[in-house]
Protein backbone atom coordinates (compact mmCIF):
# COMPACT_ATOMS: atom_id res chain seq x y z
CA UNK A 1 0.00 0.00 0.00
CA UNK A 2 1.38 3.44 -0.92
CA UNK A 3 1.70 6.24 1.60
CA UNK A 4 -1.01 8.13 -0.29
CA UNK A 5 -3.53 5.27 -0.27
CA UNK A 6 -3.09 4.70 3.46
CA UNK A 7 -4.15 8.26 4.31
CA UNK A 8 -7.84 7.77 3.59
CA UNK A 9 -10.50 5.67 5.31
CA UNK A 10 -12.58 3.24 3.30
CA UNK A 11 -15.97 4.48 4.46
CA UNK A 12 -19.28 5.13 2.75
CA UNK A 13 -19.02 8.52 1.07
CA UNK A 14 -21.71 11.21 1.12
CA UNK A 15 -22.10 14.26 -1.11
CA UNK A 16 -24.99 16.04 0.63
CA UNK A 17 -26.67 16.21 4.04
CA UNK A 18 -28.10 12.96 5.38
CA UNK A 19 -30.11 12.11 8.46
CA UNK A 20 -27.29 11.51 10.95
CA UNK A 21 -25.92 15.03 10.44
CA UNK A 22 -29.14 16.85 9.58
CA UNK A 23 -29.61 19.96 11.79
CA UNK A 24 -33.34 19.71 11.15
CA UNK A 25 -33.38 15.97 11.87
CA UNK A 26 -31.03 14.00 14.12
CA UNK A 27 -29.20 17.15 15.25
CA UNK A 28 -32.28 19.26 15.89
CA UNK A 29 -31.65 21.49 18.90
CA UNK A 30 -28.01 20.38 19.22
CA UNK A 31 -26.73 24.00 19.06
CA UNK A 32 -29.33 25.37 21.47
CA UNK A 33 -27.88 28.03 23.74
CA UNK A 34 -24.61 28.26 21.80
CA UNK A 35 -22.89 31.24 20.20
CA UNK A 36 -21.12 30.48 16.92
CA UNK A 37 -18.33 32.63 15.43
CA UNK A 38 -17.72 32.05 11.70
CA UNK A 39 -14.90 33.61 9.68
CA UNK A 40 -15.41 33.60 5.91
CA UNK A 41 -19.21 33.49 6.08
CA UNK A 42 -20.28 35.57 3.10
CA UNK A 43 -20.71 32.70 0.65
CA UNK A 44 -20.16 29.02 -0.08
CA UNK A 45 -19.34 26.70 2.80
CA UNK A 46 -19.20 29.46 5.40
CA UNK A 47 -22.64 30.69 4.43
CA UNK A 48 -24.08 27.17 4.51
CA UNK A 49 -22.47 26.59 7.91
CA UNK A 50 -24.19 29.65 9.33
CA UNK A 51 -27.55 28.38 8.10
CA UNK A 52 -26.84 24.90 9.46
CA UNK A 53 -26.16 26.19 12.96
CA UNK A 54 -29.31 28.32 12.82
CA UNK A 55 -31.30 25.22 11.86
CA UNK A 56 -29.74 23.42 14.82
CA UNK A 57 -31.07 26.09 17.17
CA UNK A 58 -28.00 28.25 17.87
CA UNK A 59 -28.58 31.11 20.28
CA UNK A 60 -26.54 33.51 18.13
CA UNK A 61 -24.24 33.52 15.11
CA UNK A 62 -21.56 36.15 14.51
CA UNK A 63 -20.55 36.34 10.85
CA UNK A 64 -17.37 37.86 9.43
CA UNK A 65 -15.87 38.31 5.99
CA UNK A 66 -13.91 41.05 4.26
CA UNK A 67 -17.05 42.71 2.92
CA UNK A 68 -19.84 43.56 5.34
CA UNK A 69 -22.19 44.14 2.43
CA UNK A 70 -21.61 40.60 1.15
CA UNK A 71 -22.62 39.23 4.56
CA UNK A 72 -26.12 40.62 4.24
CA UNK A 73 -27.33 37.65 2.22
CA UNK A 74 -26.00 35.20 4.79
CA UNK A 75 -27.68 37.07 7.62
CA UNK A 76 -30.98 36.99 5.72
CA UNK A 77 -30.63 33.24 5.22
CA UNK A 78 -29.88 32.72 8.91
CA UNK A 79 -32.92 34.75 9.93
CA UNK A 80 -35.10 32.79 7.51
CA UNK A 81 -33.77 29.46 8.79
CA UNK A 82 -34.46 30.35 12.42
CA UNK A 83 -35.93 33.71 13.45
CA UNK A 84 -34.98 32.93 17.06
CA UNK A 85 -31.26 32.83 16.25
CA UNK A 86 -29.70 36.26 16.75
CA UNK A 87 -27.25 37.24 14.03
CA UNK A 88 -24.62 39.96 13.73
CA UNK A 89 -22.12 40.72 10.98
CA UNK A 90 -18.79 42.52 10.78
CA UNK A 91 -16.18 43.23 8.13
CA UNK A 92 -12.98 41.41 9.07
CA UNK A 93 -9.83 40.50 7.18
CA UNK A 94 -8.48 37.37 8.87
CA UNK A 95 -4.92 38.24 7.87
CA UNK A 96 -5.07 41.26 10.21
CA UNK A 97 -4.79 40.31 13.87
CA UNK A 98 -6.34 43.51 15.18
CA UNK A 99 -9.46 43.05 13.04
CA UNK A 100 -9.98 39.47 14.19
CA UNK A 101 -9.43 40.41 17.81
CA UNK A 102 -11.95 43.25 17.48
CA UNK A 103 -14.56 40.98 15.88
CA UNK A 104 -14.21 38.33 18.59
CA UNK A 105 -14.39 40.97 21.31
CA UNK A 106 -17.56 42.43 19.78
CA UNK A 107 -19.11 38.97 19.48
CA UNK A 108 -18.55 38.29 23.18
CA UNK A 109 -19.73 41.76 24.18
CA UNK A 110 -22.93 41.30 22.22
CA UNK A 111 -23.75 37.64 22.85
CA UNK A 112 -21.76 36.76 25.96
CA UNK A 113 -19.63 33.90 24.66
CA UNK A 114 -18.02 31.99 21.83
CA UNK A 115 -18.97 28.32 22.06
CA UNK A 116 -18.05 27.28 18.52
CA UNK A 117 -15.46 28.91 16.25
CA UNK A 118 -15.28 28.06 12.56
CA UNK A 119 -12.18 29.22 10.67
CA UNK A 120 -13.59 29.01 7.19
CA UNK A 121 -11.89 31.86 5.29
CA UNK A 122 -9.60 30.57 2.56
CA UNK A 123 -7.73 31.40 -0.62
CA UNK A 124 -6.69 29.45 -3.70
CA UNK A 125 -4.59 31.05 -6.40
CA UNK A 126 -3.54 29.74 -9.80
CA UNK A 127 -1.76 26.41 -9.92
CA UNK A 128 1.79 27.09 -11.10
CA UNK A 129 5.03 25.11 -10.78
CA UNK A 130 7.22 26.44 -7.97
CA UNK A 131 9.89 27.69 -10.37
CA UNK A 132 7.30 29.82 -12.14
CA UNK A 133 5.38 31.19 -9.14
CA UNK A 134 4.96 34.81 -8.14
CA UNK A 135 6.53 35.04 -4.66
CA UNK A 136 3.89 37.42 -3.33
CA UNK A 137 1.05 35.33 -4.73
CA UNK A 138 2.54 32.10 -3.36
CA UNK A 139 2.88 33.54 0.13
CA UNK A 140 -0.61 35.05 0.05
CA UNK A 141 -2.00 31.50 0.30
CA UNK A 142 -0.22 31.13 3.62
CA UNK A 143 -1.28 34.58 4.78
CA UNK A 144 -4.97 33.73 4.35
CA UNK A 145 -5.09 29.99 4.92
CA UNK A 146 -2.65 29.62 7.80
CA UNK A 147 -2.10 33.03 9.34
CA UNK A 148 -5.82 33.79 9.08
CA UNK A 149 -6.67 30.48 10.72
CA UNK A 150 -4.13 31.14 13.47
CA UNK A 151 -5.70 34.52 14.19
CA UNK A 152 -9.14 32.97 14.59
CA UNK A 153 -7.67 30.32 16.88
CA UNK A 154 -5.64 32.79 18.93
CA UNK A 155 -8.45 35.20 19.70
CA UNK A 156 -11.31 32.76 20.17
CA UNK A 157 -9.39 30.28 22.35
CA UNK A 158 -9.80 32.08 25.70
CA UNK A 159 -13.56 32.21 25.14
CA UNK A 160 -13.72 28.64 23.88
CA UNK A 161 -11.91 27.49 27.02
CA UNK A 162 -14.51 29.29 29.12
CA UNK A 163 -17.23 27.68 27.02
CA UNK A 164 -15.79 24.20 27.50
CA UNK A 165 -15.74 24.64 31.27
CA UNK A 166 -19.23 26.11 31.40
CA UNK A 167 -20.83 23.40 29.27
CA UNK A 168 -18.96 20.62 31.08
CA UNK A 169 -20.33 21.89 34.39
CA UNK A 170 -23.82 21.57 32.91
CA UNK A 171 -23.18 18.08 31.57
CA UNK A 172 -22.79 19.23 27.97
CA UNK A 173 -20.00 19.84 25.48
CA UNK A 174 -18.57 23.19 24.42
CA UNK A 175 -15.31 24.73 23.25
CA UNK A 176 -15.36 23.45 19.66
CA UNK A 177 -12.90 24.80 17.11
CA UNK A 178 -13.29 23.81 13.45
CA UNK A 179 -10.52 24.53 10.93
CA UNK A 180 -11.15 24.25 7.21
CA UNK A 181 -8.52 21.97 5.73
CA UNK A 182 -8.62 20.03 2.45
CA UNK A 183 -7.96 16.60 1.02
CA UNK A 184 -5.22 18.49 -0.82
CA UNK A 185 -3.30 18.59 2.46
CA UNK A 186 -2.52 14.91 1.93
CA UNK A 187 -1.82 15.09 -1.81
CA UNK A 188 1.01 16.21 -4.09
CA UNK A 189 -0.57 17.85 -7.13
CA UNK A 190 1.78 19.59 -9.59
CA UNK A 191 1.40 23.35 -9.29
CA UNK A 192 -0.45 23.34 -5.97
CA UNK A 193 2.52 23.79 -3.61
CA UNK A 194 1.20 26.96 -1.97
CA UNK A 195 -2.35 25.80 -1.30
CA UNK A 196 -1.61 22.19 -0.38
CA UNK A 197 1.29 22.96 1.95
CA UNK A 198 -0.79 25.59 3.75
CA UNK A 199 -3.59 23.08 4.28
CA UNK A 200 -1.12 20.43 5.44
CA UNK A 201 0.13 22.93 8.00
CA UNK A 202 -3.43 23.50 9.21
CA UNK A 203 -3.71 19.81 10.04
CA UNK A 204 -0.57 20.04 12.15
CA UNK A 205 -1.74 23.27 13.76
CA UNK A 206 -4.93 21.47 14.77
CA UNK A 207 -2.81 18.87 16.55
CA UNK A 208 -0.86 21.59 18.36
CA UNK A 209 -4.07 23.26 19.52
CA UNK A 210 -5.16 19.95 21.00
CA UNK A 211 -1.75 19.30 22.56
CA UNK A 212 -1.62 22.76 24.14
CA UNK A 213 -5.27 23.11 25.13
CA UNK A 214 -6.83 19.68 25.31
CA UNK A 215 -6.57 19.84 29.09
CA UNK A 216 -8.57 23.08 28.91
CA UNK A 217 -11.46 21.22 27.30
CA UNK A 218 -10.87 22.37 23.71
CA UNK A 219 -11.98 20.09 20.88
CA UNK A 220 -10.26 21.07 17.64
CA UNK A 221 -10.83 19.48 14.23
CA UNK A 222 -9.33 20.02 10.77
CA UNK A 223 -11.90 19.07 8.16
CA UNK A 224 -11.96 18.35 4.45
CA UNK A 225 -15.29 19.79 3.28
CA UNK A 226 -15.50 17.59 0.21
CA UNK A 227 -15.03 18.74 -3.36
CA UNK A 228 -17.37 21.72 -3.43
CA UNK A 229 -18.01 23.79 -6.58
CA UNK A 230 -17.61 27.10 -4.78
CA UNK A 231 -15.99 30.15 -6.29
CA UNK A 232 -12.75 29.10 -4.61
CA UNK A 233 -13.02 25.48 -5.73
CA UNK A 234 -13.48 26.52 -9.34
CA UNK A 235 -10.10 28.25 -9.20
CA UNK A 236 -8.55 24.81 -9.58
CA UNK A 237 -7.55 23.69 -13.08
CA UNK A 238 -10.58 22.73 -15.17
CA UNK A 239 -9.53 19.08 -15.20
CA UNK A 240 -10.18 19.00 -11.43
CA UNK A 241 -13.73 20.32 -11.68
CA UNK A 242 -15.09 16.80 -12.21
CA UNK A 243 -14.21 16.11 -8.56
CA UNK A 244 -16.35 18.98 -7.26
CA UNK A 245 -19.32 16.77 -6.47
CA UNK A 246 -20.28 17.75 -2.89
CA UNK A 247 -22.67 20.45 -1.75
CA UNK A 248 -21.68 23.21 0.71
CA UNK A 249 -24.44 21.81 2.91
CA UNK A 250 -22.49 18.60 3.52
CA UNK A 251 -19.58 20.37 5.23
CA UNK A 252 -21.99 22.68 7.04
CA UNK A 253 -23.95 19.81 8.55
CA UNK A 254 -20.74 17.96 9.38
CA UNK A 255 -19.56 21.02 11.33
CA UNK A 256 -22.83 21.06 13.27
CA UNK A 257 -22.32 17.36 14.04
CA UNK A 258 -18.79 18.03 15.31
CA UNK A 259 -20.02 20.84 17.56
CA UNK A 260 -22.75 18.60 18.99
CA UNK A 261 -20.12 16.70 20.97
CA UNK A 262 -20.70 13.44 19.10
CA UNK A 263 -17.13 13.41 17.79
CA UNK A 264 -15.27 14.76 20.82
CA UNK A 265 -13.30 11.51 20.93
CA UNK A 266 -11.74 12.42 17.54
CA UNK A 267 -10.46 15.84 18.61
CA UNK A 268 -7.10 16.94 17.24
CA UNK A 269 -7.53 15.02 13.98
CA UNK A 270 -8.16 15.47 10.27
CA UNK A 271 -11.64 14.33 9.27
CA UNK A 272 -13.47 14.34 5.96
CA UNK A 273 -17.04 15.60 5.79
CA UNK A 274 -17.69 12.95 3.14
CA UNK A 275 -17.14 10.08 5.60
CA UNK A 276 -20.24 8.42 7.00
CA UNK A 277 -20.28 9.43 10.66
CA UNK A 278 -21.84 6.18 11.83
CA UNK A 279 -19.07 4.13 10.24
CA UNK A 280 -16.49 6.60 11.53
CA UNK A 281 -17.76 6.16 15.08
CA UNK A 282 -17.46 2.39 14.72
CA UNK A 283 -13.73 2.91 14.07
CA UNK A 284 -13.19 4.92 17.25
CA UNK A 285 -11.15 2.32 19.12
CA UNK A 286 -8.89 1.59 16.16
CA UNK A 287 -8.37 5.27 15.36
CA UNK A 288 -7.38 6.07 18.94
CA UNK A 289 -5.31 2.92 19.46
CA UNK A 290 -3.29 3.35 16.26
CA UNK A 291 -3.27 7.17 16.45
CA UNK A 292 -4.77 7.55 12.99
CA UNK A 293 -5.80 10.70 11.09
CA UNK A 294 -2.82 12.78 12.18
CA UNK A 295 0.25 14.01 10.29
CA UNK A 296 3.22 11.69 10.76
CA UNK A 297 6.39 10.81 8.86
CA UNK A 298 6.01 7.41 7.24
CA UNK A 299 9.14 5.34 7.90
CA UNK A 300 9.92 1.66 7.63
CA UNK A 301 10.70 -0.02 10.96
């Protein structure tokens, strides 16, 4: 078996929401009382995630993206999905620490907490061989995908820690941190060095969050959302578009499932939204025993 083949689980694959992760079905009410902070919420997966948490009964959702005007549609969708879910929006560039800190502070001031943080903002530039890349363009992938994710982590963590303690005292689960990764993190596609290395680093960063703050009650996950035909996804070479077969709703519902506490045992790991969650749960003992779904050097013993 090659090192590439061994990085993926042989589970039933889904391309859209299904009952086990449906916020209006099995997960109805699972986000009740929770405040959700979403970065990159103006469209695509981030927008669908906001709607999913509203459907699951979230107390409040705080939406950020670079353009406040572009967030208006998401807010309208949230309000339509659940009029009882409060919703606020703010312009925020995740590459700027001060803007992320301000947004998180305003979220807490307005709604009293951050129980779930979703670092969804991302960037994908043209696929070009390393020797032909524009240095500024190459590094911009890391600025958005990794630095932006770090900023969301850094400024939400104190509030997520408080959330974890508060919910644990009530017999529930809080303090969930969801990082948008990609199956590309585990692949080597010619021309994708900037995007795929930044996503690989996100997987490792997720592990560090868990190592540093697992004792504080944090549950961090790096997720592959599936191949989604978003504006970002369509930036890939046209030959890759045939793999864009999943809906934004799949990743959104998967995020709601993660924040429900059902997957707390898998914290600190890379997970794919396409994997059937029932079959994934059946693998719990093996995954924990063999320390699967984490970044490790493959070496022959």
